[in-house]
C-alpha atoms as a PDB file:
ATOM      1  CA  MET A   1      -0.094  -0.246   0.138  1.00  0.00           C
ATOM      2  CA  GLN A   2       1.420   3.248  -1.544  1.00  0.00           C
ATOM      3  CA  ILE A   3       0.393   6.836  -0.166  1.00  0.00           C
ATOM      4  CA  GLU A   4       1.576   9.799  -2.761  1.00  0.00           C
ATOM      5  CA  LEU A   5       1.138  13.320  -3.338  1.00  0.00           C
ATOM      6  CA  ASP A   6       2.585  14.877  -5.740  1.00  0.00           C
ATOM      7  CA  GLN A   7       2.875  18.470  -7.302  1.00  0.00           C
ATOM      8  CA  GLN A   8      -0.615  19.538  -7.273  1.00  0.00           C
ATOM      9  CA  ALA A   9      -1.116  19.428  -3.982  1.00  0.00           C
ATOM     10  CA  LEU A  10       0.944  22.596  -3.549  1.00  0.00           C
ATOM     11  CA  LYS A  11      -0.874  25.006  -6.179  1.00  0.00           C
ATOM     12  CA  GLU A  12      -1.606  27.554  -3.131  1.00  0.00           C
ATOM     13  CA  VAL A  13       2.565  27.831  -2.146  1.00  0.00           C
ATOM     14  CA  GLN A  14       3.517  28.011  -6.169  1.00  0.00           C
ATOM     15  CA  SER A  15       0.994  31.670  -6.085  1.00  0.00           C
ATOM     16  CA  ALA A  16       1.934  32.346  -2.592  1.00  0.00           C
ATOM     17  CA  LEU A  17       6.360  32.124  -3.815  1.00  0.00           C
ATOM     18  CA  ARG A  18       5.624  33.327  -7.532  1.00  0.00           C
ATOM     19  CA  GLY A  19       7.884  36.296  -6.772  1.00  0.00           C
ATOM     20  CA  LEU A  20      10.885  33.698  -5.293  1.00  0.00           C
ATOM     21  CA  SER A  21      10.045  31.151  -8.304  1.00  0.00           C
ATOM     22  CA  ARG A  22      13.559  29.583  -8.379  1.00  0.00           C
ATOM     23  CA  ARG A  23      12.877  28.666  -5.032  1.00  0.00           C
ATOM     24  CA  VAL A  24       9.286  26.786  -5.447  1.00  0.00           C
ATOM     25  CA  PRO A  25      10.345  23.223  -6.234  1.00  0.00           C
ATOM     26  CA  TRP A  26      12.831  23.096  -3.117  1.00  0.00           C
ATOM     27  CA  VAL A  27       9.093  24.266  -0.865  1.00  0.00           C
ATOM     28  CA  GLN A  28       7.743  21.419  -2.764  1.00  0.00           C
ATOM     29  CA  SER A  29       9.785  18.975  -1.684  1.00  0.00           C
ATOM     30  CA  ALA A  30      10.951  20.195   1.641  1.00  0.00           C
ATOM     31  CA  ALA A  31       7.855  19.996   2.780  1.00  0.00           C
ATOM     32  CA  LEU A  32       6.490  16.836   1.195  1.00  0.00           C
ATOM     33  CA  ASN A  33       9.443  14.801   2.663  1.00  0.00           C
ATOM     34  CA  LYS A  34       8.217  17.166   6.551  1.00  0.00           C
ATOM     35  CA  THR A  35       5.368  14.922   5.208  1.00  0.00           C
ATOM     36  CA  MET A  36       6.546  11.610   4.666  1.00  0.00           C
ATOM     37  CA  ILE A  37       6.875  11.623   8.304  1.00  0.00           C
ATOM     38  CA  GLY A  38       4.873  12.381   9.828  1.00  0.00           C
ATOM     39  CA  VAL A  39       2.551  10.737   8.089  1.00  0.00           C
ATOM     40  CA  ARG A  40       4.656   7.843   9.263  1.00  0.00           C
ATOM     41  CA  THR A  41       4.412   8.863  12.502  1.00  0.00           C
ATOM     42  CA  ASP A  42       0.172   8.734  12.173  1.00  0.00           C
ATOM     43  CA  LYS A  43       0.480   4.463  10.404  1.00  0.00           C
ATOM     44  CA  SER A  44       2.836   3.380  13.634  1.00  0.00           C
ATOM     45  CA  LYS A  45       0.263   4.736  15.972  1.00  0.00           C
ATOM     46  CA  ALA A  46      -2.731   3.167  14.125  1.00  0.00           C
ATOM     47  CA  ILE A  47      -1.032  -0.057  13.566  1.00  0.00           C
ATOM     48  CA  ARG A  48      -0.280  -0.579  17.094  1.00  0.00           C
ATOM     49  CA  SER A  49      -3.467   1.057  18.665  1.00  0.00           C
ATOM     50  CA  HIS A  50      -5.514  -2.554  16.832  1.00  0.00           C
ATOM     51  CA  LEU A  51      -2.092  -4.626  17.195  1.00  0.00           C
ATOM     52  CA  ASN A  52      -0.007  -5.406  19.898  1.00  0.00           C
ATOM     53  CA  LEU A  53       3.732  -4.648  18.551  1.00  0.00           C
ATOM     54  CA  LYS A  54       6.452  -2.329  19.998  1.00  0.00           C
ATOM     55  CA  LYS A  55       6.495   1.057  17.783  1.00  0.00           C
ATOM     56  CA  ALA A  56      10.645   0.745  17.071  1.00  0.00           C
ATOM     57  CA  TYR A  57       9.327  -2.688  15.289  1.00  0.00           C
ATOM     58  CA  VAL A  58       5.953  -0.915  13.683  1.00  0.00           C
ATOM     59  CA  ASP A  59       8.545   2.178  13.105  1.00  0.00           C
ATOM     60  CA  LYS A  60      11.222   0.045  11.130  1.00  0.00           C
ATOM     61  CA  HIS A  61       8.784  -1.591   8.619  1.00  0.00           C
ATOM     62  CA  ILE A  62       7.177   1.460   7.362  1.00  0.00           C
ATOM     63  CA  THR A  63       9.174   3.477   4.786  1.00  0.00           C
ATOM     64  CA  ILE A  64       9.560   6.396   3.713  1.00  0.00           C
ATOM     65  CA  LYS A  65      10.727   7.530  -0.626  1.00  0.00           C
ATOM     66  CA  LYS A  66      12.136  10.880   0.379  1.00  0.00           C
ATOM     67  CA  SER A  67      11.179  14.143  -2.490  1.00  0.00           C
ATOM     68  CA  SER A  68      13.393  16.178  -4.293  1.00  0.00           C
ATOM     69  CA  PRO A  69      13.896  19.520  -6.073  1.00  0.00           C
ATOM     70  CA  SER A  70      13.759  17.826  -9.985  1.00  0.00           C
ATOM     71  CA  ASN A  71      10.367  15.168  -8.621  1.00  0.00           C
ATOM     72  CA  VAL A  72       8.670  16.612  -5.947  1.00  0.00           C
ATOM     73  CA  SER A  73       6.619  13.912  -4.757  1.00  0.00           C
ATOM     74  CA  GLY A  74       7.000  11.220  -1.773  1.00  0.00           C
ATOM     75  CA  SER A  75       5.681   8.223  -0.586  1.00  0.00           C
ATOM     76  CA  THR A  76       5.300   5.880   2.636  1.00  0.00           C
ATOM     77  CA  ASN A  77       5.501   2.928   2.493  1.00  0.00           C
ATOM     78  CA  THR A  78       4.869  -0.168   5.231  1.00  0.00           C
ATOM     79  CA  LYS A  79       5.367  -3.557   4.630  1.00  0.00           C
ATOM     80  CA  ALA A  80       3.400  -6.431   4.046  1.00  0.00           C
ATOM     81  CA  LYS A  81       5.245  -9.231   5.444  1.00  0.00           C
ATOM     82  CA  ARG A  82       4.112 -10.806   8.104  1.00  0.00           C
ATOM     83  CA  PRO A  83       5.894 -10.149  11.701  1.00  0.00           C
ATOM     84  CA  GLY A  84       6.339 -13.870  13.419  1.00  0.00           C
ATOM     85  CA  LEU A  85       4.056 -14.313  17.181  1.00  0.00           C
ATOM     86  CA  MET A  86       7.468 -13.779  19.353  1.00  0.00           C
ATOM     87  CA  THR A  87       7.563 -10.668  18.377  1.00  0.00           C
ATOM     88  CA  PHE A  88       4.605  -9.094  19.686  1.00  0.00           C
ATOM     89  CA  THR A  89       4.675  -7.857  23.262  1.00  0.00           C
ATOM     90  CA  GLY A  90       5.001 -10.264  26.237  1.00  0.00           C
ATOM     91  CA  THR A  91       4.584 -13.703  23.339  1.00  0.00           C
ATOM     92  CA  ARG A  92       6.241 -16.464  26.183  1.00  0.00           C
ATOM     93  CA  SER A  93       6.902 -19.803  26.370  1.00  0.00           C
ATOM     94  CA  LEU A  94       5.040 -21.432  29.384  1.00  0.00           C
ATOM     95  CA  ALA A  95       6.027 -23.637  32.384  1.00  0.00           C
ATOM     96  CA  ASN A  96       6.772 -27.665  31.825  1.00  0.00           C
ATOM     97  CA  ASN A  97       6.526 -27.303  28.568  1.00  0.00           C
ATOM     98  CA  LYS A  98       2.594 -25.901  27.819  1.00  0.00           C
ATOM     99  CA  GLY A  99       2.239 -24.032  25.231  1.00  0.00           C
ATOM    100  CA  VAL A 100       3.202 -20.684  24.425  1.00  0.00           C
ATOM    101  CA  SER A 101       1.630 -16.746  25.373  1.00  0.00           C
ATOM    102  CA  VAL A 102       0.403 -14.880  23.430  1.00  0.00           C
ATOM    103  CA  LYS A 103      -1.375 -11.898  23.006  1.00  0.00           C
ATOM    104  CA  VAL A 104      -1.788 -10.196  19.128  1.00  0.00           C
ATOM    105  CA  LEU A 105      -4.780  -7.964  19.796  1.00  0.00           C
ATOM    106  CA  ALA A 106      -4.192  -4.485  21.448  1.00  0.00           C
ATOM    107  CA  ASP A 107      -7.642  -4.443  23.025  1.00  0.00           C
ATOM    108  CA  GLY A 108      -7.420  -8.808  22.627  1.00  0.00           C
ATOM    109  CA  PRO A 109      -6.604 -11.236  25.013  1.00  0.00           C
ATOM    110  CA  ARG A 110      -3.853 -13.018  25.758  1.00  0.00           C
ATOM    111  CA  VAL A 111      -4.342 -16.866  24.167  1.00  0.00           C
ATOM    112  CA  VAL A 112      -2.309 -20.062  25.521  1.00  0.00           C
ATOM    113  CA  LEU A 113      -1.604 -21.752  21.920  1.00  0.00           C
ATOM    114  CA  ARG A 114      -1.095 -25.349  23.285  1.00  0.00           C
ATOM    115  CA  HIS A 115       0.767 -26.886  20.526  1.00  0.00           C
ATOM    116  CA  ALA A 116       3.663 -24.187  19.731  1.00  0.00           C
ATOM    117  CA  PHE A 117       7.368 -24.087  20.928  1.00  0.00           C
ATOM    118  CA  ILE A 118       9.932 -21.472  21.219  1.00  0.00           C
ATOM    119  CA  ALA A 119      13.019 -21.826  19.380  1.00  0.00           C
ATOM    120  CA  GLU A 120      15.209 -20.508  17.647  1.00  0.00           C
ATOM    121  CA  ALA A 121      16.126 -20.321  14.045  1.00  0.00           C
ATOM    122  CA  LYS A 122      18.255 -18.950  11.287  1.00  0.00           C
ATOM    123  CA  GLY A 123      19.521 -16.952  13.666  1.00  0.00           C
ATOM    124  CA  THR A 124      15.882 -15.468  15.305  1.00  0.00           C
ATOM    125  CA  THR A 125      14.061 -16.339  17.801  1.00  0.00           C
ATOM    126  CA  GLN A 126      10.279 -17.415  16.673  1.00  0.00           C
ATOM    127  CA  VAL A 127       7.528 -19.047  17.630  1.00  0.00           C
ATOM    128  CA  PHE A 128       6.643 -22.337  16.052  1.00  0.00           C
ATOM    129  CA  GLN A 129       3.736 -25.674  15.653  1.00  0.00           C
ATOM    130  CA  ARG A 130       4.233 -28.727  14.802  1.00  0.00           C
ATOM    131  CA  ASP A 131       1.493 -30.148  12.421  1.00  0.00           C
ATOM    132  CA  TYR A 132      -0.149 -32.300  15.071  1.00  0.00           C
ATOM    133  CA  GLN A 133      -2.536 -35.297  13.280  1.00  0.00           C
ATOM    134  CA  GLY A 134      -2.680 -38.539  13.791  1.00  0.00           C
ATOM    135  CA  LYS A 135      -1.153 -39.814  17.335  1.00  0.00           C
ATOM    136  CA  GLY A 136       0.449 -36.493  18.052  1.00  0.00           C
ATOM    137  CA  ALA A 137      -3.360 -34.930  17.703  1.00  0.00           C
ATOM    138  CA  ILE A 138      -4.148 -34.893  21.158  1.00  0.00           C
ATOM    139  CA  PHE A 139      -1.618 -32.472  23.271  1.00  0.00           C
ATOM    140  CA  ARG A 140      -0.216 -33.892  26.644  1.00  0.00           C
ATOM    141  CA  PRO A 141       1.544 -31.486  28.340  1.00  0.00           C
ATOM    142  CA  GLY A 142       5.314 -31.287  30.331  1.00  0.00           C
ATOM    143  CA  PHE A 143       5.664 -34.494  27.209  1.00  0.00           C
ATOM    144  CA  GLY A 144       9.196 -34.241  25.676  1.00  0.00           C
ATOM    145  CA  TYR A 145       8.087 -33.519  21.610  1.00  0.00           C
ATOM    146  CA  SER A 146      11.206 -33.199  20.726  1.00  0.00           C
ATOM    147  CA  ARG A 147      12.577 -36.788  21.487  1.00  0.00           C
ATOM    148  CA  LEU A 148      10.193 -38.147  19.597  1.00  0.00           C
ATOM    149  CA  PRO A 149      11.325 -39.824  16.024  1.00  0.00           C
ATOM    150  CA  LYS A 150      11.842 -36.759  13.408  1.00  0.00           C
ATOM    151  CA  THR A 151       7.966 -38.598  12.032  1.00  0.00           C
ATOM    152  CA  HIS A 152       6.501 -37.722  14.923  1.00  0.00           C
ATOM    153  CA  ARG A 153       8.386 -34.175  15.244  1.00  0.00           C
ATOM    154  CA  PHE A 154       7.760 -32.479  10.986  1.00  0.00           C
ATOM    155  CA  PRO A 155       6.694 -30.756   9.563  1.00  0.00           C
ATOM    156  CA  ILE A 156       6.777 -27.668  12.053  1.00  0.00           C
ATOM    157  CA  TYR A 157       5.310 -23.837  10.754  1.00  0.00           C
ATOM    158  CA  ARG A 158       5.840 -20.595  12.022  1.00  0.00           C
ATOM    159  CA  LEU A 159       3.605 -18.747  13.638  1.00  0.00           C
ATOM    160  CA  ALA A 160       2.332 -15.119  12.606  1.00  0.00           C
ATOM    161  CA  GLY A 161      -0.038 -12.450  13.153  1.00  0.00           C
ATOM    162  CA  PRO A 162      -1.496  -9.854  10.641  1.00  0.00           C
ATOM    163  CA  SER A 163       1.151  -7.800   8.323  1.00  0.00           C
ATOM    164  CA  LEU A 164       1.451  -4.418   9.140  1.00  0.00           C
ATOM    165  CA  ALA A 165       0.107  -3.715   5.454  1.00  0.00           C
ATOM    166  CA  GLU A 166      -3.199  -6.041   5.727  1.00  0.00           C
ATOM    167  CA  TYR A 167      -4.296  -3.270   8.653  1.00  0.00           C
ATOM    168  CA  ILE A 168      -3.373   0.133   7.178  1.00  0.00           C
ATOM    169  CA  GLY A 169      -4.996  -1.291   4.091  1.00  0.00           C
ATOM    170  CA  HIS A 170      -8.362  -1.099   5.287  1.00  0.00           C
ATOM    171  CA  PRO A 171     -10.643   1.266   3.908  1.00  0.00           C
ATOM    172  CA  GLY A 172     -11.260   3.896   7.479  1.00  0.00           C
ATOM    173  CA  VAL A 173      -7.986   3.344   8.602  1.00  0.00           C
ATOM    174  CA  ILE A 174      -6.843   4.523   5.216  1.00  0.00           C
ATOM    175  CA  ALA A 175      -8.588   7.473   4.348  1.00  0.00           C
ATOM    176  CA  GLN A 176      -7.610   8.874   8.050  1.00  0.00           C
ATOM    177  CA  ILE A 177      -4.362   8.866   7.379  1.00  0.00           C
ATOM    178  CA  VAL A 178      -4.720  10.564   3.875  1.00  0.00           C
ATOM    179  CA  ILE A 179      -6.822  12.949   5.675  1.00  0.00           C
ATOM    180  CA  LEU A 180      -4.406  13.735   8.469  1.00  0.00           C
ATOM    181  CA  ALA A 181      -1.144  14.003   5.059  1.00  0.00           C
ATOM    182  CA  GLY A 182      -3.034  16.657   3.916  1.00  0.00           C
ATOM    183  CA  GLU A 183      -3.547  18.897   7.035  1.00  0.00           C
ATOM    184  CA  ARG A 184       0.802  18.338   7.839  1.00  0.00           C
ATOM    185  CA  LEU A 185       0.855  19.302   3.797  1.00  0.00           C
ATOM    186  CA  ILE A 186      -0.642  22.034   4.151  1.00  0.00           C
ATOM    187  CA  ALA A 187       0.565  23.742   7.759  1.00  0.00           C
ATOM    188  CA  ASN A 188       4.180  22.473   6.511  1.00  0.00           C
ATOM    189  CA  ALA A 189       3.686  24.444   3.781  1.00  0.00           C
ATOM    190  CA  ASN A 190       2.981  27.080   4.538  1.00  0.00           C
ATOM    191  CA  ASN A 191       4.745  27.317   7.942  1.00  0.00           C
ATOM    192  CA  LEU A 192       8.260  26.947   5.150  1.00  0.00           C
ATOM    193  CA  VAL A 193       6.719  29.647   2.836  1.00  0.00           C
ATOM    194  CA  SER A 194       6.823  31.836   5.755  1.00  0.00           C
ATOM    195  CA  TYR A 195      10.229  31.526   6.366  1.00  0.00           C
ATOM    196  CA  GLU A 196      10.705  32.035   2.760  1.00  0.00           C
ATOM    197  CA  LEU A 197       8.534  35.397   2.829  1.00  0.00           C
ATOM    198  CA  SER A 198      10.495  36.707   5.684  1.00  0.00           C
ATOM    199  CA  LYS A 199      13.936  36.627   4.027  1.00  0.00           C
ATOM    200  CA  MET A 200      12.426  39.072   1.470  1.00  0.00           C
END
């Protein structure tokens, strides 16, 4: 999902700086870049109000494509990769191999995944679940599943929550972010116009 704002949204800036035409591209680009930073903040807040994720993680997965005077167009992109359950705040193993406790939704309940376990894979710690079928379908707390023959231990799956982009893509959420982006753009442009005029 992508939000883009271009020169069309800054016609008033061009009018205000009619006497400083050479500075118009700079003002447009600077206003847009400041707006994109604000858009990232708004996206991050919206995501964290819905998902039980840390700010640092969410911010890291919202990237900004900066504008320049020669190309007055900016965008913010939210990565679509689904965060592993270990990413959610408070995810932990229960004693005696009784599963994993996790809370995905910010305002939702904490749940216990009885067949899940936490392990390291490819340098990162993740929450996994075995494909319990047949003899392994009945979960036994404290049982040493890791000591079973390979045919009973695999396959296993990495467990993940909903993607950040999936939530931001909801019509109601994106509409509010676009409104805030427009307000930020006007405010940033006005401040930069005032600064340029003050130097005249």
